[in-house]
PDB file of N, CA and C in Angstrom:
ATOM      1  N   MET A   1       0.865  -1.026   0.018  1.00  0.00           N
ATOM      2  CA  MET A   1       0.051  -0.048   0.343  1.00  0.00           C
ATOM      3  C   MET A   1       0.698   1.120   0.069  1.00  0.00           C
ATOM      4  N   GLY A   2       2.000   1.022   0.533  1.00  0.00           N
ATOM      5  CA  GLY A   2       2.586   2.355   0.721  1.00  0.00           C
ATOM      6  C   GLY A   2       3.418   2.769  -0.460  1.00  0.00           C
ATOM      7  N   VAL A   3       3.693   1.785  -1.418  1.00  0.00           N
ATOM      8  CA  VAL A   3       4.395   1.950  -2.773  1.00  0.00           C
ATOM      9  C   VAL A   3       3.141   2.623  -3.391  1.00  0.00           C
ATOM     10  N   PHE A   4       2.152   2.342  -3.150  1.00  0.00           N
ATOM     11  CA  PHE A   4       0.944   2.420  -4.224  1.00  0.00           C
ATOM     12  C   PHE A   4       0.533   3.920  -4.030  1.00  0.00           C
ATOM     13  N   TYR A   5       0.431   4.303  -2.867  1.00  0.00           N
ATOM     14  CA  TYR A   5       0.466   5.784  -2.206  1.00  0.00           C
ATOM     15  C   TYR A   5       1.240   6.949  -2.640  1.00  0.00           C
ATOM     16  N   ILE A   6       2.745   6.272  -2.391  1.00  0.00           N
ATOM     17  CA  ILE A   6       4.099   6.983  -2.699  1.00  0.00           C
ATOM     18  C   ILE A   6       3.861   7.687  -4.413  1.00  0.00           C
ATOM     19  N   ALA A   7       3.563   6.645  -5.154  1.00  0.00           N
ATOM     20  CA  ALA A   7       3.492   6.654  -6.542  1.00  0.00           C
ATOM     21  C   ALA A   7       2.366   7.473  -7.194  1.00  0.00           C
ATOM     22  N   THR A   8       1.023   6.995  -6.236  1.00  0.00           N
ATOM     23  CA  THR A   8      -0.141   7.811  -7.113  1.00  0.00           C
ATOM     24  C   THR A   8      -0.297   9.341  -6.227  1.00  0.00           C
ATOM     25  N   ILE A   9      -0.181   9.502  -5.125  1.00  0.00           N
ATOM     26  CA  ILE A   9      -0.904  10.612  -4.225  1.00  0.00           C
ATOM     27  C   ILE A   9      -0.018  11.945  -4.865  1.00  0.00           C
ATOM     28  N   PRO A  10       0.991  12.010  -5.134  1.00  0.00           N
ATOM     29  CA  PRO A  10       1.858  13.362  -5.571  1.00  0.00           C
ATOM     30  C   PRO A  10       1.156  13.606  -6.831  1.00  0.00           C
ATOM     31  N   GLN A  11       0.731  12.874  -7.691  1.00  0.00           N
ATOM     32  CA  GLN A  11      -0.259  13.017  -9.169  1.00  0.00           C
ATOM     33  C   GLN A  11      -1.346  14.255  -8.869  1.00  0.00           C
ATOM     34  N   PHE A  12      -2.032  13.762  -7.429  1.00  0.00           N
ATOM     35  CA  PHE A  12      -3.127  14.463  -7.689  1.00  0.00           C
ATOM     36  C   PHE A  12      -2.957  15.424  -6.371  1.00  0.00           C
ATOM     37  N   SER A  13      -1.886  15.928  -5.971  1.00  0.00           N
ATOM     38  CA  SER A  13      -1.627  17.062  -5.020  1.00  0.00           C
ATOM     39  C   SER A  13      -1.398  18.278  -5.770  1.00  0.00           C
ATOM     40  N   PRO A  14      -2.395  19.386  -5.588  1.00  0.00           N
ATOM     41  CA  PRO A  14      -2.389  20.545  -6.427  1.00  0.00           C
ATOM     42  C   PRO A  14      -0.891  21.531  -5.521  1.00  0.00           C
ATOM     43  N   PRO A  15      -0.624  22.430  -6.656  1.00  0.00           N
ATOM     44  CA  PRO A  15       0.556  23.112  -6.004  1.00  0.00           C
ATOM     45  C   PRO A  15       0.181  24.001  -5.123  1.00  0.00           C
ATOM     46  N   GLY A  16       0.998  24.080  -3.728  1.00  0.00           N
ATOM     47  CA  GLY A  16       0.669  24.870  -2.970  1.00  0.00           C
ATOM     48  C   GLY A  16       0.124  24.110  -1.340  1.00  0.00           C
ATOM     49  N   THR A  17      -0.316  23.132  -1.688  1.00  0.00           N
ATOM     50  CA  THR A  17      -0.937  22.213  -0.478  1.00  0.00           C
ATOM     51  C   THR A  17       0.161  21.720   0.317  1.00  0.00           C
ATOM     52  N   SER A  18      -0.203  21.444   1.469  1.00  0.00           N
ATOM     53  CA  SER A  18       0.492  20.533   2.267  1.00  0.00           C
ATOM     54  C   SER A  18       0.621  18.880   1.677  1.00  0.00           C
ATOM     55  N   PRO A  19       2.070  18.346   1.542  1.00  0.00           N
ATOM     56  CA  PRO A  19       1.783  17.212   1.046  1.00  0.00           C
ATOM     57  C   PRO A  19       1.669  15.757   2.140  1.00  0.00           C
ATOM     58  N   LEU A  20       1.413  16.632   3.433  1.00  0.00           N
ATOM     59  CA  LEU A  20       1.162  15.470   4.341  1.00  0.00           C
ATOM     60  C   LEU A  20      -0.358  15.665   4.361  1.00  0.00           C
ATOM     61  N   LEU A  21      -0.849  16.773   4.441  1.00  0.00           N
ATOM     62  CA  LEU A  21      -2.516  16.989   4.241  1.00  0.00           C
ATOM     63  C   LEU A  21      -3.020  16.233   3.566  1.00  0.00           C
ATOM     64  N   MET A  22      -2.511  16.475   2.222  1.00  0.00           N
ATOM     65  CA  MET A  22      -3.430  16.102   0.846  1.00  0.00           C
ATOM     66  C   MET A  22      -3.128  14.521   1.020  1.00  0.00           C
ATOM     67  N   GLY A  23      -1.940  13.928   1.216  1.00  0.00           N
ATOM     68  CA  GLY A  23      -1.731  12.475   1.195  1.00  0.00           C
ATOM     69  C   GLY A  23      -2.619  11.874   2.358  1.00  0.00           C
ATOM     70  N   VAL A  24      -2.656  12.524   3.150  1.00  0.00           N
ATOM     71  CA  VAL A  24      -3.746  11.867   4.272  1.00  0.00           C
ATOM     72  C   VAL A  24      -5.220  11.901   4.098  1.00  0.00           C
ATOM     73  N   LEU A  25      -5.588  13.069   3.123  1.00  0.00           N
ATOM     74  CA  LEU A  25      -7.070  13.186   2.761  1.00  0.00           C
ATOM     75  C   LEU A  25      -7.141  12.259   1.686  1.00  0.00           C
ATOM     76  N   LEU A  26      -6.292  12.113   0.687  1.00  0.00           N
ATOM     77  CA  LEU A  26      -6.485  10.930  -0.324  1.00  0.00           C
ATOM     78  C   LEU A  26      -6.303   9.632   0.196  1.00  0.00           C
ATOM     79  N   ALA A  27      -5.661   9.537   1.080  1.00  0.00           N
ATOM     80  CA  ALA A  27      -5.646   8.196   1.750  1.00  0.00           C
ATOM     81  C   ALA A  27      -6.754   7.644   2.099  1.00  0.00           C
ATOM     82  N   GLY A  28      -7.450   8.882   3.083  1.00  0.00           N
ATOM     83  CA  GLY A  28      -8.874   8.794   3.764  1.00  0.00           C
ATOM     84  C   GLY A  28      -9.819   8.400   2.713  1.00  0.00           C
ATOM     85  N   VAL A  29      -9.910   9.045   1.479  1.00  0.00           N
ATOM     86  CA  VAL A  29     -11.085   9.041   0.293  1.00  0.00           C
ATOM     87  C   VAL A  29     -10.702   7.543  -0.068  1.00  0.00           C
ATOM     88  N   HIS A  30      -9.553   7.016  -0.326  1.00  0.00           N
ATOM     89  CA  HIS A  30      -9.377   5.440  -0.789  1.00  0.00           C
ATOM     90  C   HIS A  30      -9.990   4.216   0.477  1.00  0.00           C
ATOM     91  N   CYS A  31      -9.620   4.836   1.633  1.00  0.00           N
ATOM     92  CA  CYS A  31     -10.258   3.938   2.731  1.00  0.00           C
ATOM     93  C   CYS A  31     -11.785   3.937   2.408  1.00  0.00           C
ATOM     94  N   VAL A  32     -12.408   4.779   2.525  1.00  0.00           N
ATOM     95  CA  VAL A  32     -13.956   5.192   2.427  1.00  0.00           C
ATOM     96  C   VAL A  32     -14.333   4.290   0.984  1.00  0.00           C
ATOM     97  N   LEU A  33     -13.840   4.921   0.064  1.00  0.00           N
ATOM     98  CA  LEU A  33     -14.313   4.048  -1.224  1.00  0.00           C
ATOM     99  C   LEU A  33     -14.046   2.222  -1.282  1.00  0.00           C
ATOM    100  N   GLY A  34     -12.592   2.143  -0.502  1.00  0.00           N
ATOM    101  CA  GLY A  34     -12.599   0.489  -0.212  1.00  0.00           C
ATOM    102  C   GLY A  34     -13.846  -0.222   0.716  1.00  0.00           C
ATOM    103  N   LEU A  35     -14.175   0.720   1.649  1.00  0.00           N
ATOM    104  CA  LEU A  35     -15.251   0.357   2.667  1.00  0.00           C
ATOM    105  C   LEU A  35     -16.527   0.318   1.974  1.00  0.00           C
ATOM    106  N   VAL A  36     -16.663   1.258   1.183  1.00  0.00           N
ATOM    107  CA  VAL A  36     -18.039   0.808   0.310  1.00  0.00           C
ATOM    108  C   VAL A  36     -18.384  -0.076  -0.709  1.00  0.00           C
ATOM    109  N   TRP A  37     -17.175  -0.401  -1.120  1.00  0.00           N
ATOM    110  CA  TRP A  37     -16.818  -1.241  -2.305  1.00  0.00           C
ATOM    111  C   TRP A  37     -17.177  -2.843  -1.600  1.00  0.00           C
ATOM    112  N   LEU A  38     -16.319  -2.791  -0.444  1.00  0.00           N
ATOM    113  CA  LEU A  38     -16.429  -4.399  -0.062  1.00  0.00           C
ATOM    114  C   LEU A  38     -17.914  -4.636   0.752  1.00  0.00           C
ATOM    115  N   SER A  39     -18.262  -3.447   1.332  1.00  0.00           N
ATOM    116  CA  SER A  39     -19.811  -3.684   2.126  1.00  0.00           C
ATOM    117  C   SER A  39     -20.765  -3.853   0.759  1.00  0.00           C
ATOM    118  N   ALA A  40     -20.684  -3.228  -0.503  1.00  0.00           N
ATOM    119  CA  ALA A  40     -21.581  -3.883  -1.563  1.00  0.00           C
ATOM    120  C   ALA A  40     -21.131  -4.951  -2.088  1.00  0.00           C
ATOM    121  N   LEU A  41     -20.134  -5.503  -1.873  1.00  0.00           N
ATOM    122  CA  LEU A  41     -19.602  -7.103  -2.231  1.00  0.00           C
ATOM    123  C   LEU A  41     -20.128  -7.868  -1.283  1.00  0.00           C
ATOM    124  N   ILE A  42     -20.138  -7.788  -0.038  1.00  0.00           N
ATOM    125  CA  ILE A  42     -20.888  -8.574   0.990  1.00  0.00           C
ATOM    126  C   ILE A  42     -21.928  -8.677   0.822  1.00  0.00           C
ATOM    127  N   ALA A  43     -22.888  -7.555   0.843  1.00  0.00           N
ATOM    128  CA  ALA A  43     -24.345  -7.381   0.623  1.00  0.00           C
ATOM    129  C   ALA A  43     -24.787  -8.516  -0.719  1.00  0.00           C
ATOM    130  N   GLY A  44     -23.817  -8.192  -1.750  1.00  0.00           N
ATOM    131  CA  GLY A  44     -24.222  -9.159  -3.033  1.00  0.00           C
ATOM    132  C   GLY A  44     -23.814 -10.581  -2.684  1.00  0.00           C
ATOM    133  N   THR A  45     -22.995 -10.805  -2.094  1.00  0.00           N
ATOM    134  CA  THR A  45     -22.645 -12.153  -1.804  1.00  0.00           C
ATOM    135  C   THR A  45     -23.993 -12.807  -1.021  1.00  0.00           C
ATOM    136  N   GLY A  46     -24.189 -12.159   0.198  1.00  0.00           N
ATOM    137  CA  GLY A  46     -25.414 -12.570   1.128  1.00  0.00           C
ATOM    138  C   GLY A  46     -26.810 -13.176  -0.425  1.00  0.00           C
ATOM    139  N   PHE A  47     -26.808 -11.947  -1.113  1.00  0.00           N
ATOM    140  CA  PHE A  47     -27.847 -11.983  -1.974  1.00  0.00           C
ATOM    141  C   PHE A  47     -27.499 -13.489  -3.127  1.00  0.00           C
ATOM    142  N   ALA A  48     -26.631 -13.460  -3.411  1.00  0.00           N
ATOM    143  CA  ALA A  48     -26.109 -14.680  -4.156  1.00  0.00           C
ATOM    144  C   ALA A  48     -26.217 -16.034  -3.527  1.00  0.00           C
ATOM    145  N   SER A  49     -25.700 -16.073  -2.395  1.00  0.00           N
ATOM    146  CA  SER A  49     -25.766 -17.296  -1.837  1.00  0.00           C
ATOM    147  C   SER A  49     -26.910 -17.777  -1.648  1.00  0.00           C
ATOM    148  N   ARG A  50     -28.308 -17.044  -1.011  1.00  0.00           N
ATOM    149  CA  ARG A  50     -29.505 -17.162  -0.987  1.00  0.00           C
ATOM    150  C   ARG A  50     -30.119 -17.498  -2.523  1.00  0.00           C
ATOM    151  N   TRP A  51     -29.651 -17.202  -3.765  1.00  0.00           N
ATOM    152  CA  TRP A  51     -30.034 -17.574  -5.051  1.00  0.00           C
ATOM    153  C   TRP A  51     -29.490 -18.627  -5.264  1.00  0.00           C
ATOM    154  N   LEU A  52     -28.171 -19.087  -5.095  1.00  0.00           N
ATOM    155  CA  LEU A  52     -27.457 -20.498  -5.336  1.00  0.00           C
ATOM    156  C   LEU A  52     -27.863 -21.617  -4.853  1.00  0.00           C
ATOM    157  N   LYS A  53     -28.514 -21.334  -3.841  1.00  0.00           N
ATOM    158  CA  LYS A  53     -28.926 -22.428  -2.811  1.00  0.00           C
ATOM    159  C   LYS A  53     -30.315 -23.028  -3.583  1.00  0.00           C
ATOM    160  N   ASP A  54     -30.791 -22.549  -4.467  1.00  0.00           N
ATOM    161  CA  ASP A  54     -32.057 -22.900  -4.942  1.00  0.00           C
ATOM    162  C   ASP A  54     -31.558 -23.706  -6.249  1.00  0.00           C
ATOM    163  N   ARG A  55     -32.402 -25.070  -6.088  1.00  0.00           N
ATOM    164  CA  ARG A  55     -31.919 -26.132  -6.929  1.00  0.00           C
ATOM    165  C   ARG A  55     -32.104 -25.472  -8.400  1.00  0.00           C
ATOM    166  N   ARG A  56     -33.248 -24.658  -8.663  1.00  0.00           N
ATOM    167  CA  ARG A  56     -33.494 -24.326  -9.862  1.00  0.00           C
ATOM    168  C   ARG A  56     -32.489 -23.450 -10.562  1.00  0.00           C
ATOM    169  N   SER A  57     -31.645 -22.492  -9.742  1.00  0.00           N
ATOM    170  CA  SER A  57     -30.830 -21.608 -10.135  1.00  0.00           C
ATOM    171  C   SER A  57     -29.697 -22.602 -10.264  1.00  0.00           C
ATOM    172  N   VAL A  58     -29.113 -23.576  -9.616  1.00  0.00           N
ATOM    173  CA  VAL A  58     -27.831 -24.470 -10.005  1.00  0.00           C
ATOM    174  C   VAL A  58     -28.336 -25.222 -11.331  1.00  0.00           C
ATOM    175  N   GLY A  59     -29.288 -25.712 -11.788  1.00  0.00           N
ATOM    176  CA  GLY A  59     -29.804 -26.366 -12.741  1.00  0.00           C
ATOM    177  C   GLY A  59     -29.595 -25.602 -14.077  1.00  0.00           C
ATOM    178  N   ILE A  60     -29.904 -24.371 -13.901  1.00  0.00           N
ATOM    179  CA  ILE A  60     -29.900 -23.189 -15.225  1.00  0.00           C
ATOM    180  C   ILE A  60     -28.580 -22.830 -15.023  1.00  0.00           C
ATOM    181  N   ILE A  61     -27.717 -22.659 -13.977  1.00  0.00           N
ATOM    182  CA  ILE A  61     -26.090 -22.485 -14.285  1.00  0.00           C
ATOM    183  C   ILE A  61     -25.282 -23.514 -14.943  1.00  0.00           C
ATOM    184  N   ASP A  62     -25.628 -24.873 -14.463  1.00  0.00           N
ATOM    185  CA  ASP A  62     -25.175 -25.783 -14.892  1.00  0.00           C
ATOM    186  C   ASP A  62     -25.213 -26.156 -16.749  1.00  0.00           C
ATOM    187  N   ARG A  63     -26.593 -26.156 -17.089  1.00  0.00           N
ATOM    188  CA  ARG A  63     -26.946 -25.967 -18.546  1.00  0.00           C
ATOM    189  C   ARG A  63     -26.284 -24.812 -19.107  1.00  0.00           C
ATOM    190  N   ILE A  64     -26.263 -23.637 -18.761  1.00  0.00           N
ATOM    191  CA  ILE A  64     -25.291 -22.493 -19.354  1.00  0.00           C
ATOM    192  C   ILE A  64     -24.131 -23.010 -19.357  1.00  0.00           C
ATOM    193  N   THR A  65     -23.320 -23.620 -18.346  1.00  0.00           N
ATOM    194  CA  THR A  65     -22.207 -23.774 -18.583  1.00  0.00           C
ATOM    195  C   THR A  65     -21.930 -24.966 -19.512  1.00  0.00           C
ATOM    196  N   GLY A  66     -22.636 -25.980 -19.592  1.00  0.00           N
ATOM    197  CA  GLY A  66     -22.287 -26.963 -20.273  1.00  0.00           C
ATOM    198  C   GLY A  66     -22.750 -26.710 -21.873  1.00  0.00           C
ATOM    199  N   THR A  67     -23.538 -25.694 -22.022  1.00  0.00           N
ATOM    200  CA  THR A  67     -23.823 -25.135 -23.567  1.00  0.00           C
ATOM    201  C   THR A  67     -22.470 -24.734 -23.862  1.00  0.00           C
ATOM    202  N   VAL A  68     -21.875 -23.801 -22.959  1.00  0.00           N
ATOM    203  CA  VAL A  68     -20.759 -23.059 -23.366  1.00  0.00           C
ATOM    204  C   VAL A  68     -19.465 -23.869 -23.516  1.00  0.00           C
ATOM    205  N   LEU A  69     -19.273 -24.883 -22.946  1.00  0.00           N
ATOM    206  CA  LEU A  69     -18.280 -26.142 -23.072  1.00  0.00           C
ATOM    207  C   LEU A  69     -18.360 -26.870 -24.423  1.00  0.00           C
ATOM    208  N   VAL A  70     -19.589 -27.141 -24.525  1.00  0.00           N
ATOM    209  CA  VAL A  70     -19.899 -27.873 -25.761  1.00  0.00           C
ATOM    210  C   VAL A  70     -19.530 -26.715 -26.932  1.00  0.00           C
ATOM    211  N   GLY A  71     -19.851 -25.569 -26.863  1.00  0.00           N
ATOM    212  CA  GLY A  71     -19.603 -24.696 -28.012  1.00  0.00           C
ATOM    213  C   GLY A  71     -18.171 -24.465 -28.136  1.00  0.00           C
ATOM    214  N   PHE A  72     -17.160 -24.239 -27.175  1.00  0.00           N
ATOM    215  CA  PHE A  72     -16.046 -24.596 -27.195  1.00  0.00           C
ATOM    216  C   PHE A  72     -15.528 -25.747 -28.084  1.00  0.00           C
ATOM    217  N   GLY A  73     -15.858 -26.816 -27.266  1.00  0.00           N
ATOM    218  CA  GLY A  73     -15.398 -27.895 -28.006  1.00  0.00           C
ATOM    219  C   GLY A  73     -15.712 -27.905 -29.527  1.00  0.00           C
ATOM    220  N   LEU A  74     -16.640 -27.653 -29.828  1.00  0.00           N
ATOM    221  CA  LEU A  74     -17.190 -27.878 -31.366  1.00  0.00           C
ATOM    222  C   LEU A  74     -16.340 -26.828 -32.107  1.00  0.00           C
ATOM    223  N   LYS A  75     -16.174 -25.670 -31.444  1.00  0.00           N
ATOM    224  CA  LYS A  75     -15.333 -24.479 -32.362  1.00  0.00           C
ATOM    225  C   LYS A  75     -13.941 -25.204 -32.378  1.00  0.00           C
ATOM    226  N   LEU A  76     -13.241 -25.866 -31.286  1.00  0.00           N
ATOM    227  CA  LEU A  76     -12.030 -26.381 -31.489  1.00  0.00           C
ATOM    228  C   LEU A  76     -12.250 -27.597 -32.512  1.00  0.00           C
ATOM    229  N   ALA A  77     -13.311 -28.373 -32.477  1.00  0.00           N
ATOM    230  CA  ALA A  77     -13.112 -29.677 -33.431  1.00  0.00           C
ATOM    231  C   ALA A  77     -13.225 -29.117 -34.881  1.00  0.00           C
ATOM    232  N   LEU A  78     -13.919 -27.992 -34.943  1.00  0.00           N
ATOM    233  CA  LEU A  78     -14.270 -27.612 -36.547  1.00  0.00           C
ATOM    234  C   LEU A  78     -13.243 -26.848 -37.174  1.00  0.00           C
ATOM    235  N   GLU A  79     -12.240 -26.314 -36.048  1.00  0.00           N
ATOM    236  CA  GLU A  79     -11.211 -25.396 -36.728  1.00  0.00           C
ATOM    237  C   GLU A  79     -10.259 -26.277 -37.150  1.00  0.00           C
ATOM    238  N   PRO A  80      -9.914 -25.542 -38.614  1.00  0.00           N
ATOM    239  CA  PRO A  80      -8.914 -26.196 -39.761  1.00  0.00           C
ATOM    240  C   PRO A  80      -7.393 -26.263 -39.073  1.00  0.00           C
ATOM    241  N   ARG A  81      -6.863 -27.180 -39.133  1.00  0.00           N
ATOM    242  CA  ARG A  81      -5.866 -27.901 -38.869  1.00  0.00           C
ATOM    243  C   ARG A  81      -4.472 -26.910 -39.479  1.00  0.00           C
ATOM    244  N   PRO A  82      -3.425 -26.426 -38.968  1.00  0.00           N
ATOM    245  CA  PRO A  82      -2.805 -25.631 -40.203  1.00  0.00           C
ATOM    246  C   PRO A  82      -1.397 -26.933 -40.986  1.00  0.00           C
TER     247      PRO A  82
END
C-alpha cells in the first residue's frame, strides 16, 4: 500500500498544498471507497448465496455452463488444422 500511495498521491496534489495533509486526505478517500465497495460485495454475496442455494438456479447455471463448454469443444473440433 505504501508504494501505491507514494506513486499515486503526488500526481493528485495541487501545488501549494501540504503534501502530508493531501496525502492523508487522499488515503482517507481511498479507505472510504474501499469500505463502500467491500460492503457492496458482502451484501451481494448474501444475495447470491440465497439464490445459489435454490436447485432451479443451480440447474440453470449447469445448463449454461454445459452449453458453453460444448460450444468451445465444437469450435475447437471444427477449426482447420495448419
